Amino acid sequence: MMKHLLPLLLLLVAVACADDSRFTVKGTMEGAPTTNLRFAYYNGNAFVQGLTAVRDGEFTFGGITREAAVIELFDNEYRPLGRLYAANGDEITCHVDPANPYRLTASGNPELQRWTRWLNDHAAPLLLQSVADSLVETYVAAHPADVVSTLLVVTMADASTPSGLHRADSLLSLIEPAARPMAITGSFNALIEATLQGPDARLHDIVAHVYQRGRDTLRLADSPLWLITVSTDGPDRRDSLLPLLRETAAGKNAPAVLDISLDPDTTAWRRSVRRDSATWKQAWLPGGTAAAGLDSLAIPALPYYILADSAGRQLLRSATPRPRGQVHISGPPG
């Protein structure tokens, strides 16, 4: 009798040891590198960021979330590696391909498996935004009761333009309420709402951590015209933003430049700005685009560029460094 009871007892012990209070992720990375992997998600109360080591292509991490959450994965330079969808109790396994974030494969819950399978099936065309928009619209129309429809809209919509956000809002309205959990759509809906007011909002003096000066107040009245950039460290900053800042700062009658970083911590920010050899003002704010001073501006993408006057009026907003074919910015647009 004891011989038959032993497997049952071992099974009960295993079940008892399962931890439903957190999710776990066990993954591998294409090419078996030894590097770092960053992850970030909203746990229902706060935005959580973490760093884990990848050793010979293998990594693990875990977390706690009140409701199922979208977990963003990045490499050490903040380039996107893919996304997961997990709730407490989930044991996620995944494989990451740094060459294309849509080639991530994962299992651990049915929604995650359907989501990543669809992304894999369309990994190449999804790299083109216009094609991605059409593919997502087709999926939503065919699966209005599937939470994957919501995941696709909130993670793939073109958030850099008001028209893109409004298109996403229309798509979300086609999805059944039960498949639109607030934990996923809450911040996205707030972005859509704020976008209606963002371009008309006034900038105000900003209290920030200023490079080599410490905590200080940046006063708009100090210059008649400002070029304000908002970014995090990464290829977009180095390839597009920094050349524009150097050109603008060196120009005659150029606006004052305020380079705002939303890096996750001051250590990452200081490491970034030490490489810049900057002659312009550099500042760091905690809290991402919801940081005090930026929260009313509805910044839809990073990097982002705002031309403003000394009264805080926004004269130009753009997600590209040279909007409307401009060669450089030397004064208020005509």
C-alpha atoms as a PDB file:
ATOM      1  CA  MET A   1       0.000   0.000   0.000  1.00  0.00           C
ATOM      2  CA  MET A   2       2.822   2.421   0.898  1.00  0.00           C
ATOM      3  CA  LYS A   3       4.346   1.775  -2.520  1.00  0.00           C
ATOM      4  CA  HIS A   4       1.205   3.176  -4.184  1.00  0.00           C
ATOM      5  CA  LEU A   5       0.870   6.092  -1.761  1.00  0.00           C
ATOM      6  CA  LEU A   6       4.390   7.426  -2.336  1.00  0.00           C
ATOM      7  CA  PRO A   7       3.822   8.856  -5.859  1.00  0.00           C
ATOM      8  CA  LEU A   8       0.587  10.466  -4.649  1.00  0.00           C
ATOM      9  CA  LEU A   9       2.353  12.077  -1.682  1.00  0.00           C
ATOM     10  CA  LEU A  10       5.110  13.403  -3.946  1.00  0.00           C
ATOM     11  CA  LEU A  11       2.491  14.901  -6.268  1.00  0.00           C
ATOM     12  CA  LEU A  12       0.743  16.622  -3.347  1.00  0.00           C
ATOM     13  CA  VAL A  13       4.048  18.062  -2.146  1.00  0.00           C
ATOM     14  CA  ALA A  14       4.786  19.401  -5.637  1.00  0.00           C
ATOM     15  CA  VAL A  15       1.367  21.047  -5.847  1.00  0.00           C
ATOM     16  CA  ALA A  16       1.779  22.549  -2.393  1.00  0.00           C
ATOM     17  CA  CYS A  17       5.135  24.015  -3.401  1.00  0.00           C
ATOM     18  CA  ALA A  18       3.741  25.741  -6.496  1.00  0.00           C
ATOM     19  CA  ASP A  19       3.760  29.517  -5.930  1.00  0.00           C
ATOM     20  CA  ASP A  20       0.588  31.217  -7.141  1.00  0.00           C
ATOM     21  CA  SER A  21       1.671  34.538  -5.645  1.00  0.00           C
ATOM     22  CA  ARG A  22       4.087  35.387  -8.471  1.00  0.00           C
ATOM     23  CA  PHE A  23       4.927  34.601 -12.078  1.00  0.00           C
ATOM     24  CA  THR A  24       8.239  33.176 -13.273  1.00  0.00           C
ATOM     25  CA  VAL A  25       9.974  33.449 -16.633  1.00  0.00           C
ATOM     26  CA  LYS A  26      12.606  31.007 -17.845  1.00  0.00           C
ATOM     27  CA  GLY A  27      14.088  31.825 -21.221  1.00  0.00           C
ATOM     28  CA  THR A  28      16.771  31.297 -23.808  1.00  0.00           C
ATOM     29  CA  MET A  29      18.276  33.742 -26.302  1.00  0.00           C
ATOM     30  CA  GLU A  30      19.273  33.066 -29.893  1.00  0.00           C
ATOM     31  CA  GLY A  31      23.047  32.819 -30.286  1.00  0.00           C
ATOM     32  CA  ALA A  32      23.599  31.836 -26.634  1.00  0.00           C
ATOM     33  CA  PRO A  33      25.158  35.176 -25.603  1.00  0.00           C
ATOM     34  CA  THR A  34      26.266  36.256 -22.144  1.00  0.00           C
ATOM     35  CA  THR A  35      24.744  39.686 -21.586  1.00  0.00           C
ATOM     36  CA  ASN A  36      21.987  41.497 -19.672  1.00  0.00           C
ATOM     37  CA  LEU A  37      18.256  41.475 -20.247  1.00  0.00           C
ATOM     38  CA  ARG A  38      15.963  44.250 -18.987  1.00  0.00           C
ATOM     39  CA  PHE A  39      12.258  43.807 -18.281  1.00  0.00           C
ATOM     40  CA  ALA A  40       9.463  46.185 -17.368  1.00  0.00           C
ATOM     41  CA  TYR A  41       5.751  45.898 -16.578  1.00  0.00           C
ATOM     42  CA  TYR A  42       2.926  47.629 -14.716  1.00  0.00           C
ATOM     43  CA  ASN A  43       1.885  45.524 -11.713  1.00  0.00           C
ATOM     44  CA  GLY A  44      -1.417  47.279 -11.009  1.00  0.00           C
ATOM     45  CA  ASN A  45       0.119  49.678  -8.492  1.00  0.00           C
ATOM     46  CA  ALA A  46       3.437  50.792  -9.957  1.00  0.00           C
ATOM     47  CA  PHE A  47       5.739  50.514 -12.948  1.00  0.00           C
ATOM     48  CA  VAL A  48       8.314  47.779 -12.269  1.00  0.00           C
ATOM     49  CA  GLN A  49      11.713  47.562 -13.972  1.00  0.00           C
ATOM     50  CA  GLY A  50      14.362  44.918 -13.524  1.00  0.00           C
ATOM     51  CA  LEU A  51      17.634  43.557 -14.860  1.00  0.00           C
ATOM     52  CA  THR A  52      18.666  39.925 -15.112  1.00  0.00           C
ATOM     53  CA  ALA A  53      21.814  38.199 -16.363  1.00  0.00           C
ATOM     54  CA  VAL A  54      21.817  36.094 -19.514  1.00  0.00           C
ATOM     55  CA  ARG A  55      24.485  33.417 -19.217  1.00  0.00           C
ATOM     56  CA  ASP A  56      25.250  31.366 -22.307  1.00  0.00           C
ATOM     57  CA  GLY A  57      21.843  32.324 -23.648  1.00  0.00           C
ATOM     58  CA  GLU A  58      19.820  31.337 -20.552  1.00  0.00           C
ATOM     59  CA  PHE A  59      17.997  33.639 -18.130  1.00  0.00           C
ATOM     60  CA  THR A  60      15.322  33.610 -15.442  1.00  0.00           C
ATOM     61  CA  PHE A  61      13.339  36.261 -13.577  1.00  0.00           C
ATOM     62  CA  GLY A  62      10.043  36.630 -11.785  1.00  0.00           C
ATOM     63  CA  GLY A  63       7.603  39.166 -10.483  1.00  0.00           C
ATOM     64  CA  ILE A  64       4.260  39.911  -8.872  1.00  0.00           C
ATOM     65  CA  THR A  65       1.271  41.563 -10.536  1.00  0.00           C
ATOM     66  CA  ARG A  66      -2.285  42.150  -9.358  1.00  0.00           C
ATOM     67  CA  GLU A  67      -3.691  41.216 -12.780  1.00  0.00           C
ATOM     68  CA  ALA A  68      -2.281  39.732 -15.962  1.00  0.00           C
ATOM     69  CA  ALA A  69       0.321  42.168 -17.313  1.00  0.00           C
ATOM     70  CA  VAL A  70       2.284  42.869 -20.466  1.00  0.00           C
ATOM     71  CA  ILE A  71       6.007  42.401 -19.767  1.00  0.00           C
ATOM     72  CA  GLU A  72       8.359  44.302 -22.062  1.00  0.00           C
ATOM     73  CA  LEU A  73      11.787  42.759 -22.725  1.00  0.00           C
ATOM     74  CA  PHE A  74      14.827  44.831 -23.768  1.00  0.00           C
ATOM     75  CA  ASP A  75      18.508  44.233 -24.288  1.00  0.00           C
ATOM     76  CA  ASN A  76      21.128  46.129 -22.313  1.00  0.00           C
ATOM     77  CA  GLU A  77      20.857  49.085 -24.747  1.00  0.00           C
ATOM     78  CA  TYR A  78      17.052  49.221 -24.359  1.00  0.00           C
ATOM     79  CA  ARG A  79      16.387  47.766 -27.808  1.00  0.00           C
ATOM     80  CA  PRO A  80      13.094  45.799 -27.719  1.00  0.00           C
ATOM     81  CA  LEU A  81      13.362  42.028 -27.635  1.00  0.00           C
ATOM     82  CA  GLY A  82       9.681  41.166 -27.411  1.00  0.00           C
ATOM     83  CA  ARG A  83       6.748  41.016 -25.013  1.00  0.00           C
ATOM     84  CA  LEU A  84       5.187  38.460 -22.687  1.00  0.00           C
ATOM     85  CA  TYR A  85       1.773  38.266 -21.038  1.00  0.00           C
ATOM     86  CA  ALA A  86       1.688  36.786 -17.544  1.00  0.00           C
ATOM     87  CA  ALA A  87      -0.323  36.600 -14.333  1.00  0.00           C
ATOM     88  CA  ASN A  88       0.630  35.375 -10.879  1.00  0.00           C
ATOM     89  CA  GLY A  89       1.020  31.606 -10.931  1.00  0.00           C
ATOM     90  CA  ASP A  90       2.146  31.464 -14.565  1.00  0.00           C
ATOM     91  CA  GLU A  91       5.368  29.644 -15.339  1.00  0.00           C
ATOM     92  CA  ILE A  92       6.484  31.182 -18.615  1.00  0.00           C
ATOM     93  CA  THR A  93       9.065  29.687 -20.933  1.00  0.00           C
ATOM     94  CA  CYS A  94      10.293  31.679 -23.919  1.00  0.00           C
ATOM     95  CA  HIS A  95      12.937  31.982 -26.618  1.00  0.00           C
ATOM     96  CA  VAL A  96      14.120  35.439 -27.694  1.00  0.00           C
ATOM     97  CA  ASP A  97      15.521  36.345 -31.113  1.00  0.00           C
ATOM     98  CA  PRO A  98      17.282  39.741 -30.909  1.00  0.00           C
ATOM     99  CA  ALA A  99      17.139  40.080 -34.713  1.00  0.00           C
ATOM    100  CA  ASN A 100      13.348  40.427 -34.694  1.00  0.00           C
ATOM    101  CA  PRO A 101      11.237  40.923 -31.526  1.00  0.00           C
ATOM    102  CA  TYR A 102       8.230  39.382 -33.272  1.00  0.00           C
ATOM    103  CA  ARG A 103      10.040  36.050 -33.496  1.00  0.00           C
ATOM    104  CA  LEU A 104       9.833  35.548 -29.730  1.00  0.00           C
ATOM    105  CA  THR A 105       8.209  32.201 -28.919  1.00  0.00           C
ATOM    106  CA  ALA A 106       6.576  31.569 -25.551  1.00  0.00           C
ATOM    107  CA  SER A 107       4.237  29.336 -23.581  1.00  0.00           C
ATOM    108  CA  GLY A 108       2.732  29.407 -20.110  1.00  0.00           C
ATOM    109  CA  ASN A 109      -0.853  30.505 -20.720  1.00  0.00           C
ATOM    110  CA  PRO A 110      -3.195  30.203 -23.727  1.00  0.00           C
ATOM    111  CA  GLU A 111      -3.341  33.928 -24.480  1.00  0.00           C
ATOM    112  CA  LEU A 112       0.441  34.234 -24.570  1.00  0.00           C
ATOM    113  CA  GLN A 113       0.743  31.234 -26.842  1.00  0.00           C
ATOM    114  CA  ARG A 114      -1.874  32.562 -29.318  1.00  0.00           C
ATOM    115  CA  TRP A 115      -0.307  36.031 -29.263  1.00  0.00           C
ATOM    116  CA  THR A 116       3.273  34.945 -29.893  1.00  0.00           C
ATOM    117  CA  ARG A 117       2.230  32.335 -32.480  1.00  0.00           C
ATOM    118  CA  TRP A 118       0.442  35.059 -34.491  1.00  0.00           C
ATOM    119  CA  LEU A 119       3.427  37.421 -34.180  1.00  0.00           C
ATOM    120  CA  ASN A 120       5.745  34.664 -35.395  1.00  0.00           C
ATOM    121  CA  ASP A 121       3.522  33.938 -38.371  1.00  0.00           C
ATOM    122  CA  HIS A 122       3.767  37.618 -39.416  1.00  0.00           C
ATOM    123  CA  ALA A 123       7.246  38.467 -38.103  1.00  0.00           C
ATOM    124  CA  ALA A 124       8.617  39.949 -41.345  1.00  0.00           C
ATOM    125  CA  PRO A 125       5.642  42.079 -42.516  1.00  0.00           C
ATOM    126  CA  LEU A 126       5.037  43.441 -39.012  1.00  0.00           C
ATOM    127  CA  LEU A 127       8.269  45.429 -39.300  1.00  0.00           C
ATOM    128  CA  LEU A 128       6.379  47.810 -41.643  1.00  0.00           C
ATOM    129  CA  GLN A 129       3.931  49.970 -39.652  1.00  0.00           C
ATOM    130  CA  SER A 130       1.385  50.344 -42.462  1.00  0.00           C
ATOM    131  CA  VAL A 131       1.263  46.580 -42.999  1.00  0.00           C
ATOM    132  CA  ALA A 132       1.102  45.967 -39.253  1.00  0.00           C
ATOM    133  CA  ASP A 133      -1.924  48.271 -38.941  1.00  0.00           C
ATOM    134  CA  SER A 134      -3.790  46.314 -41.617  1.00  0.00           C
ATOM    135  CA  LEU A 135      -2.919  42.918 -40.126  1.00  0.00           C
ATOM    136  CA  VAL A 136      -4.032  43.993 -36.638  1.00  0.00           C
ATOM    137  CA  GLU A 137      -7.314  45.369 -37.983  1.00  0.00           C
ATOM    138  CA  THR A 138      -7.986  42.037 -39.720  1.00  0.00           C
ATOM    139  CA  TYR A 139      -7.301  40.077 -36.526  1.00  0.00           C
ATOM    140  CA  VAL A 140      -9.518  42.308 -34.376  1.00  0.00           C
ATOM    141  CA  ALA A 141     -12.410  42.045 -36.841  1.00  0.00           C
ATOM    142  CA  ALA A 142     -12.175  38.245 -36.773  1.00  0.00           C
ATOM    143  CA  HIS A 143     -11.568  37.874 -32.989  1.00  0.00           C
ATOM    144  CA  PRO A 144     -13.562  40.514 -31.061  1.00  0.00           C
ATOM    145  CA  ALA A 145     -13.834  38.259 -27.991  1.00  0.00           C
ATOM    146  CA  ASP A 146     -10.104  37.486 -27.750  1.00  0.00           C
ATOM    147  CA  VAL A 147      -7.834  39.380 -25.347  1.00  0.00           C
ATOM    148  CA  VAL A 148      -5.084  38.908 -27.949  1.00  0.00           C
ATOM    149  CA  SER A 149      -6.933  41.506 -30.052  1.00  0.00           C
ATOM    150  CA  THR A 150      -6.464  43.981 -27.215  1.00  0.00           C
ATOM    151  CA  LEU A 151      -2.825  43.027 -26.781  1.00  0.00           C
ATOM    152  CA  LEU A 152      -2.172  43.643 -30.471  1.00  0.00           C
ATOM    153  CA  VAL A 153      -3.866  47.040 -30.498  1.00  0.00           C
ATOM    154  CA  VAL A 154      -2.206  48.489 -27.400  1.00  0.00           C
ATOM    155  CA  THR A 155       1.282  47.220 -28.287  1.00  0.00           C
ATOM    156  CA  MET A 156       1.311  47.804 -32.048  1.00  0.00           C
ATOM    157  CA  ALA A 157      -0.771  50.915 -32.722  1.00  0.00           C
ATOM    158  CA  ASP A 158       1.086  53.893 -34.168  1.00  0.00           C
ATOM    159  CA  ALA A 159       1.156  56.019 -31.004  1.00  0.00           C
ATOM    160  CA  SER A 160       3.319  58.734 -32.566  1.00  0.00           C
ATOM    161  CA  THR A 161       0.381  60.538 -34.183  1.00  0.00           C
ATOM    162  CA  PRO A 162      -3.105  61.534 -33.002  1.00  0.00           C
ATOM    163  CA  SER A 163      -4.622  59.831 -36.059  1.00  0.00           C
ATOM    164  CA  GLY A 164      -2.874  56.581 -35.127  1.00  0.00           C
ATOM    165  CA  LEU A 165      -4.205  56.759 -31.588  1.00  0.00           C
ATOM    166  CA  HIS A 166      -7.726  57.526 -32.766  1.00  0.00           C
ATOM    167  CA  ARG A 167      -7.576  54.547 -35.130  1.00  0.00           C
ATOM    168  CA  ALA A 168      -6.529  52.396 -32.196  1.00  0.00           C
ATOM    169  CA  ASP A 169      -9.394  53.782 -30.118  1.00  0.00           C
ATOM    170  CA  SER A 170     -11.838  52.762 -32.838  1.00  0.00           C
ATOM    171  CA  LEU A 171     -10.368  49.256 -32.939  1.00  0.00           C
ATOM    172  CA  LEU A 172     -10.628  48.878 -29.168  1.00  0.00           C
ATOM    173  CA  SER A 173     -14.324  49.765 -29.349  1.00  0.00           C
ATOM    174  CA  LEU A 174     -14.861  46.701 -31.582  1.00  0.00           C
ATOM    175  CA  ILE A 175     -13.493  44.345 -28.920  1.00  0.00           C
ATOM    176  CA  GLU A 176     -15.928  42.912 -26.380  1.00  0.00           C
ATOM    177  CA  PRO A 177     -15.583  44.462 -22.885  1.00  0.00           C
ATOM    178  CA  ALA A 178     -14.597  41.152 -21.277  1.00  0.00           C
ATOM    179  CA  ALA A 179     -11.607  40.971 -23.645  1.00  0.00           C
ATOM    180  CA  ARG A 180     -10.499  44.526 -22.819  1.00  0.00           C
ATOM    181  CA  PRO A 181      -9.158  44.323 -19.240  1.00  0.00           C
ATOM    182  CA  MET A 182      -8.433  47.713 -17.703  1.00  0.00           C
ATOM    183  CA  ALA A 183      -5.026  46.451 -16.584  1.00  0.00           C
ATOM    184  CA  ILE A 184      -4.013  46.403 -20.274  1.00  0.00           C
ATOM    185  CA  THR A 185      -5.981  49.318 -21.701  1.00  0.00           C
ATOM    186  CA  GLY A 186      -5.893  51.801 -18.797  1.00  0.00           C
ATOM    187  CA  SER A 187      -2.679  53.648 -19.634  1.00  0.00           C
ATOM    188  CA  PHE A 188      -3.382  53.450 -23.366  1.00  0.00           C
ATOM    189  CA  ASN A 189      -6.824  55.034 -22.934  1.00  0.00           C
ATOM    190  CA  ALA A 190      -5.245  57.747 -20.801  1.00  0.00           C
ATOM    191  CA  LEU A 191      -2.759  58.454 -23.603  1.00  0.00           C
ATOM    192  CA  ILE A 192      -5.587  58.761 -26.129  1.00  0.00           C
ATOM    193  CA  GLU A 193      -7.502  61.141 -23.875  1.00  0.00           C
ATOM    194  CA  ALA A 194      -4.436  63.236 -23.134  1.00  0.00           C
ATOM    195  CA  THR A 195      -3.574  63.493 -26.818  1.00  0.00           C
ATOM    196  CA  LEU A 196      -6.687  65.561 -27.380  1.00  0.00           C
ATOM    197  CA  GLN A 197      -5.260  68.214 -25.054  1.00  0.00           C
ATOM    198  CA  GLY A 198      -1.499  67.608 -25.307  1.00  0.00           C
ATOM    199  CA  PRO A 199      -0.644  69.953 -28.213  1.00  0.00           C
ATOM    200  CA  ASP A 200      -2.474  72.846 -26.520  1.00  0.00           C
ATOM    201  CA  ALA A 201      -0.982  72.316 -23.082  1.00  0.00           C
ATOM    202  CA  ARG A 202       1.512  74.885 -21.806  1.00  0.00           C
ATOM    203  CA  LEU A 203       4.969  73.947 -20.608  1.00  0.00           C
ATOM    204  CA  HIS A 204       6.002  75.250 -17.215  1.00  0.00           C
ATOM    205  CA  ASP A 205       9.298  75.633 -15.411  1.00  0.00           C
ATOM    206  CA  ILE A 206      10.662  72.146 -14.734  1.00  0.00           C
ATOM    207  CA  VAL A 207      12.320  70.937 -11.537  1.00  0.00           C
ATOM    208  CA  ALA A 208      14.809  68.239 -12.520  1.00  0.00           C
ATOM    209  CA  HIS A 209      18.207  66.708 -11.857  1.00  0.00           C
ATOM    210  CA  VAL A 210      20.536  68.816 -14.019  1.00  0.00           C
ATOM    211  CA  TYR A 211      23.895  67.403 -15.103  1.00  0.00           C
ATOM    212  CA  GLN A 212      26.773  68.737 -12.960  1.00  0.00           C
ATOM    213  CA  ARG A 213      24.368  71.039 -11.071  1.00  0.00           C
ATOM    214  CA  GLY A 214      22.144  68.705  -9.073  1.00  0.00           C
ATOM    215  CA  ARG A 215      18.469  69.344  -8.476  1.00  0.00           C
ATOM    216  CA  ASP A 216      17.521  72.668 -10.068  1.00  0.00           C
ATOM    217  CA  THR A 217      14.694  74.595 -11.722  1.00  0.00           C
ATOM    218  CA  LEU A 218      14.847  75.044 -15.486  1.00  0.00           C
ATOM    219  CA  ARG A 219      13.135  78.348 -16.261  1.00  0.00           C
ATOM    220  CA  LEU A 220      11.563  78.925 -19.666  1.00  0.00           C
ATOM    221  CA  ALA A 221      11.954  82.709 -19.308  1.00  0.00           C
ATOM    222  CA  ASP A 222      15.731  82.284 -19.662  1.00  0.00           C
ATOM    223  CA  SER A 223      15.406  81.989 -23.458  1.00  0.00           C
ATOM    224  CA  PRO A 224      12.884  83.267 -26.036  1.00  0.00           C
ATOM    225  CA  LEU A 225      12.897  79.898 -27.768  1.00  0.00           C
ATOM    226  CA  TRP A 226      13.553  76.328 -26.640  1.00  0.00           C
ATOM    227  CA  LEU A 227      14.166  73.033 -28.393  1.00  0.00           C
ATOM    228  CA  ILE A 228      13.135  70.424 -25.821  1.00  0.00           C
ATOM    229  CA  THR A 229      13.942  66.790 -26.488  1.00  0.00           C
ATOM    230  CA  VAL A 230      12.688  63.843 -24.444  1.00  0.00           C
ATOM    231  CA  SER A 231      14.420  60.493 -24.813  1.00  0.00           C
ATOM    232  CA  THR A 232      16.119  57.500 -23.246  1.00  0.00           C
ATOM    233  CA  ASP A 233      19.571  56.173 -24.043  1.00  0.00           C
ATOM    234  CA  GLY A 234      19.670  53.938 -27.092  1.00  0.00           C
ATOM    235  CA  PRO A 235      20.352  53.823 -30.844  1.00  0.00           C
ATOM    236  CA  ASP A 236      17.652  56.417 -31.694  1.00  0.00           C
ATOM    237  CA  ARG A 237      19.280  58.905 -29.359  1.00  0.00           C
ATOM    238  CA  ARG A 238      22.797  58.320 -30.628  1.00  0.00           C
ATOM    239  CA  ASP A 239      21.928  58.133 -34.344  1.00  0.00           C
ATOM    240  CA  SER A 240      19.269  60.835 -34.686  1.00  0.00           C
ATOM    241  CA  LEU A 241      18.890  63.003 -31.606  1.00  0.00           C
ATOM    242  CA  LEU A 242      22.501  63.825 -30.736  1.00  0.00           C
ATOM    243  CA  PRO A 243      23.458  65.041 -34.240  1.00  0.00           C
ATOM    244  CA  LEU A 244      20.462  67.394 -34.185  1.00  0.00           C
ATOM    245  CA  LEU A 245      21.360  68.713 -30.730  1.00  0.00           C
ATOM    246  CA  ARG A 246      24.974  69.382 -31.735  1.00  0.00           C
ATOM    247  CA  GLU A 247      23.872  71.164 -34.914  1.00  0.00           C
ATOM    248  CA  THR A 248      21.242  73.232 -33.131  1.00  0.00           C
ATOM    249  CA  ALA A 249      23.488  74.221 -30.221  1.00  0.00           C
ATOM    250  CA  ALA A 250      26.185  75.400 -32.647  1.00  0.00           C
ATOM    251  CA  GLY A 251      23.830  77.461 -34.843  1.00  0.00           C
ATOM    252  CA  LYS A 252      23.451  81.236 -34.852  1.00  0.00           C
ATOM    253  CA  ASN A 253      20.295  82.602 -33.205  1.00  0.00           C
ATOM    254  CA  ALA A 254      19.511  79.012 -32.268  1.00  0.00           C
ATOM    255  CA  PRO A 255      17.005  78.109 -29.566  1.00  0.00           C
ATOM    256  CA  ALA A 256      18.244  77.050 -26.173  1.00  0.00           C
ATOM    257  CA  VAL A 257      18.415  73.270 -25.990  1.00  0.00           C
ATOM    258  CA  LEU A 258      16.977  71.269 -23.102  1.00  0.00           C
ATOM    259  CA  ASP A 259      17.763  67.570 -23.368  1.00  0.00           C
ATOM    260  CA  ILE A 260      15.490  65.641 -20.958  1.00  0.00           C
ATOM    261  CA  SER A 261      16.288  62.004 -20.190  1.00  0.00           C
ATOM    262  CA  LEU A 262      13.713  59.496 -18.957  1.00  0.00           C
ATOM    263  CA  ASP A 263      16.278  56.756 -18.343  1.00  0.00           C
ATOM    264  CA  PRO A 264      15.179  54.362 -15.570  1.00  0.00           C
ATOM    265  CA  ASP A 265      17.714  55.732 -13.071  1.00  0.00           C
ATOM    266  CA  THR A 266      20.359  58.424 -12.685  1.00  0.00           C
ATOM    267  CA  THR A 267      23.192  55.920 -13.088  1.00  0.00           C
ATOM    268  CA  ALA A 268      22.064  55.015 -16.613  1.00  0.00           C
ATOM    269  CA  TRP A 269      21.507  58.702 -17.397  1.00  0.00           C
ATOM    270  CA  ARG A 270      24.944  59.841 -16.201  1.00  0.00           C
ATOM    271  CA  ARG A 271      26.611  57.028 -18.126  1.00  0.00           C
ATOM    272  CA  SER A 272      24.776  58.203 -21.231  1.00  0.00           C
ATOM    273  CA  VAL A 273      25.492  61.939 -20.968  1.00  0.00           C
ATOM    274  CA  ARG A 274      29.181  61.449 -20.186  1.00  0.00           C
ATOM    275  CA  ARG A 275      29.556  60.297 -23.801  1.00  0.00           C
ATOM    276  CA  ASP A 276      27.799  63.335 -25.274  1.00  0.00           C
ATOM    277  CA  SER A 277      30.353  66.183 -24.872  1.00  0.00           C
ATOM    278  CA  ALA A 278      27.295  68.409 -24.634  1.00  0.00           C
ATOM    279  CA  THR A 279      27.215  72.202 -24.616  1.00  0.00           C
ATOM    280  CA  TRP A 280      23.479  72.242 -23.917  1.00  0.00           C
ATOM    281  CA  LYS A 281      21.397  71.725 -20.777  1.00  0.00           C
ATOM    282  CA  GLN A 282      20.910  68.079 -19.820  1.00  0.00           C
ATOM    283  CA  ALA A 283      18.362  66.968 -17.231  1.00  0.00           C
ATOM    284  CA  TRP A 284      16.830  63.776 -15.854  1.00  0.00           C
ATOM    285  CA  LEU A 285      13.269  63.220 -14.664  1.00  0.00           C
ATOM    286  CA  PRO A 286      11.861  60.154 -12.882  1.00  0.00           C
ATOM    287  CA  GLY A 287       8.481  58.738 -13.814  1.00  0.00           C
ATOM    288  CA  GLY A 288       8.679  58.482 -17.599  1.00  0.00           C
ATOM    289  CA  THR A 289       6.296  60.557 -19.694  1.00  0.00           C
ATOM    290  CA  ALA A 290       4.078  60.911 -16.608  1.00  0.00           C
ATOM    291  CA  ALA A 291       6.812  62.913 -14.844  1.00  0.00           C
ATOM    292  CA  ALA A 292       5.817  66.255 -13.350  1.00  0.00           C
ATOM    293  CA  GLY A 293       6.236  68.880 -16.033  1.00  0.00           C
ATOM    294  CA  LEU A 294       5.654  66.418 -18.879  1.00  0.00           C
ATOM    295  CA  ASP A 295       2.459  64.719 -17.770  1.00  0.00           C
ATOM    296  CA  SER A 296       0.104  67.162 -19.526  1.00  0.00           C
ATOM    297  CA  LEU A 297       1.975  67.102 -22.851  1.00  0.00           C
ATOM    298  CA  ALA A 298       0.776  63.676 -24.070  1.00  0.00           C
ATOM    299  CA  ILE A 299       4.184  62.651 -25.370  1.00  0.00           C
ATOM    300  CA  PRO A 300       3.328  59.666 -27.574  1.00  0.00           C
ATOM    301  CA  ALA A 301       6.778  58.307 -28.453  1.00  0.00           C
ATOM    302  CA  LEU A 302      10.460  58.488 -27.566  1.00  0.00           C
ATOM    303  CA  PRO A 303      12.505  60.301 -28.685  1.00  0.00           C
ATOM    304  CA  TYR A 304      10.186  63.319 -28.979  1.00  0.00           C
ATOM    305  CA  TYR A 305      10.846  66.924 -29.966  1.00  0.00           C
ATOM    306  CA  ILE A 306       9.050  70.097 -28.887  1.00  0.00           C
ATOM    307  CA  LEU A 307       9.781  73.669 -29.964  1.00  0.00           C
ATOM    308  CA  ALA A 308       8.415  76.101 -27.359  1.00  0.00           C
ATOM    309  CA  ASP A 309       8.615  79.795 -26.566  1.00  0.00           C
ATOM    310  CA  SER A 310       9.428  81.487 -23.253  1.00  0.00           C
ATOM    311  CA  ALA A 311       5.745  81.454 -22.288  1.00  0.00           C
ATOM    312  CA  GLY A 312       5.600  77.680 -22.647  1.00  0.00           C
ATOM    313  CA  ARG A 313       3.541  77.653 -25.845  1.00  0.00           C
ATOM    314  CA  GLN A 314       4.240  74.625 -28.025  1.00  0.00           C
ATOM    315  CA  LEU A 315       5.103  75.870 -31.509  1.00  0.00           C
ATOM    316  CA  LEU A 316       5.981  72.500 -32.989  1.00  0.00           C
ATOM    317  CA  ARG A 317       5.749  68.864 -31.885  1.00  0.00           C
ATOM    318  CA  SER A 318       7.275  65.908 -33.681  1.00  0.00           C
ATOM    319  CA  ALA A 319       8.408  62.311 -33.233  1.00  0.00           C
ATOM    320  CA  THR A 320      11.080  62.856 -35.907  1.00  0.00           C
ATOM    321  CA  PRO A 321      14.176  65.053 -35.533  1.00  0.00           C
ATOM    322  CA  ARG A 322      13.566  67.035 -38.734  1.00  0.00           C
ATOM    323  CA  PRO A 323       9.812  67.501 -39.169  1.00  0.00           C
ATOM    324  CA  ARG A 324       8.463  68.731 -42.479  1.00  0.00           C
ATOM    325  CA  GLY A 325      11.852  68.463 -44.139  1.00  0.00           C
ATOM    326  CA  GLN A 326      13.566  71.067 -41.963  1.00  0.00           C
ATOM    327  CA  VAL A 327      17.345  71.248 -42.239  1.00  0.00           C
ATOM    328  CA  HIS A 328      17.756  72.849 -38.840  1.00  0.00           C
ATOM    329  CA  ILE A 329      15.754  74.773 -36.280  1.00  0.00           C
ATOM    330  CA  SER A 330      16.856  78.405 -35.960  1.00  0.00           C
ATOM    331  CA  GLY A 331      13.683  80.211 -35.016  1.00  0.00           C
ATOM    332  CA  PRO A 332       9.900  79.962 -34.657  1.00  0.00           C
ATOM    333  CA  PRO A 333       8.229  78.349 -37.641  1.00  0.00           C
ATOM    334  CA  GLY A 334       6.728  80.890 -39.996  1.00  0.00           C
END
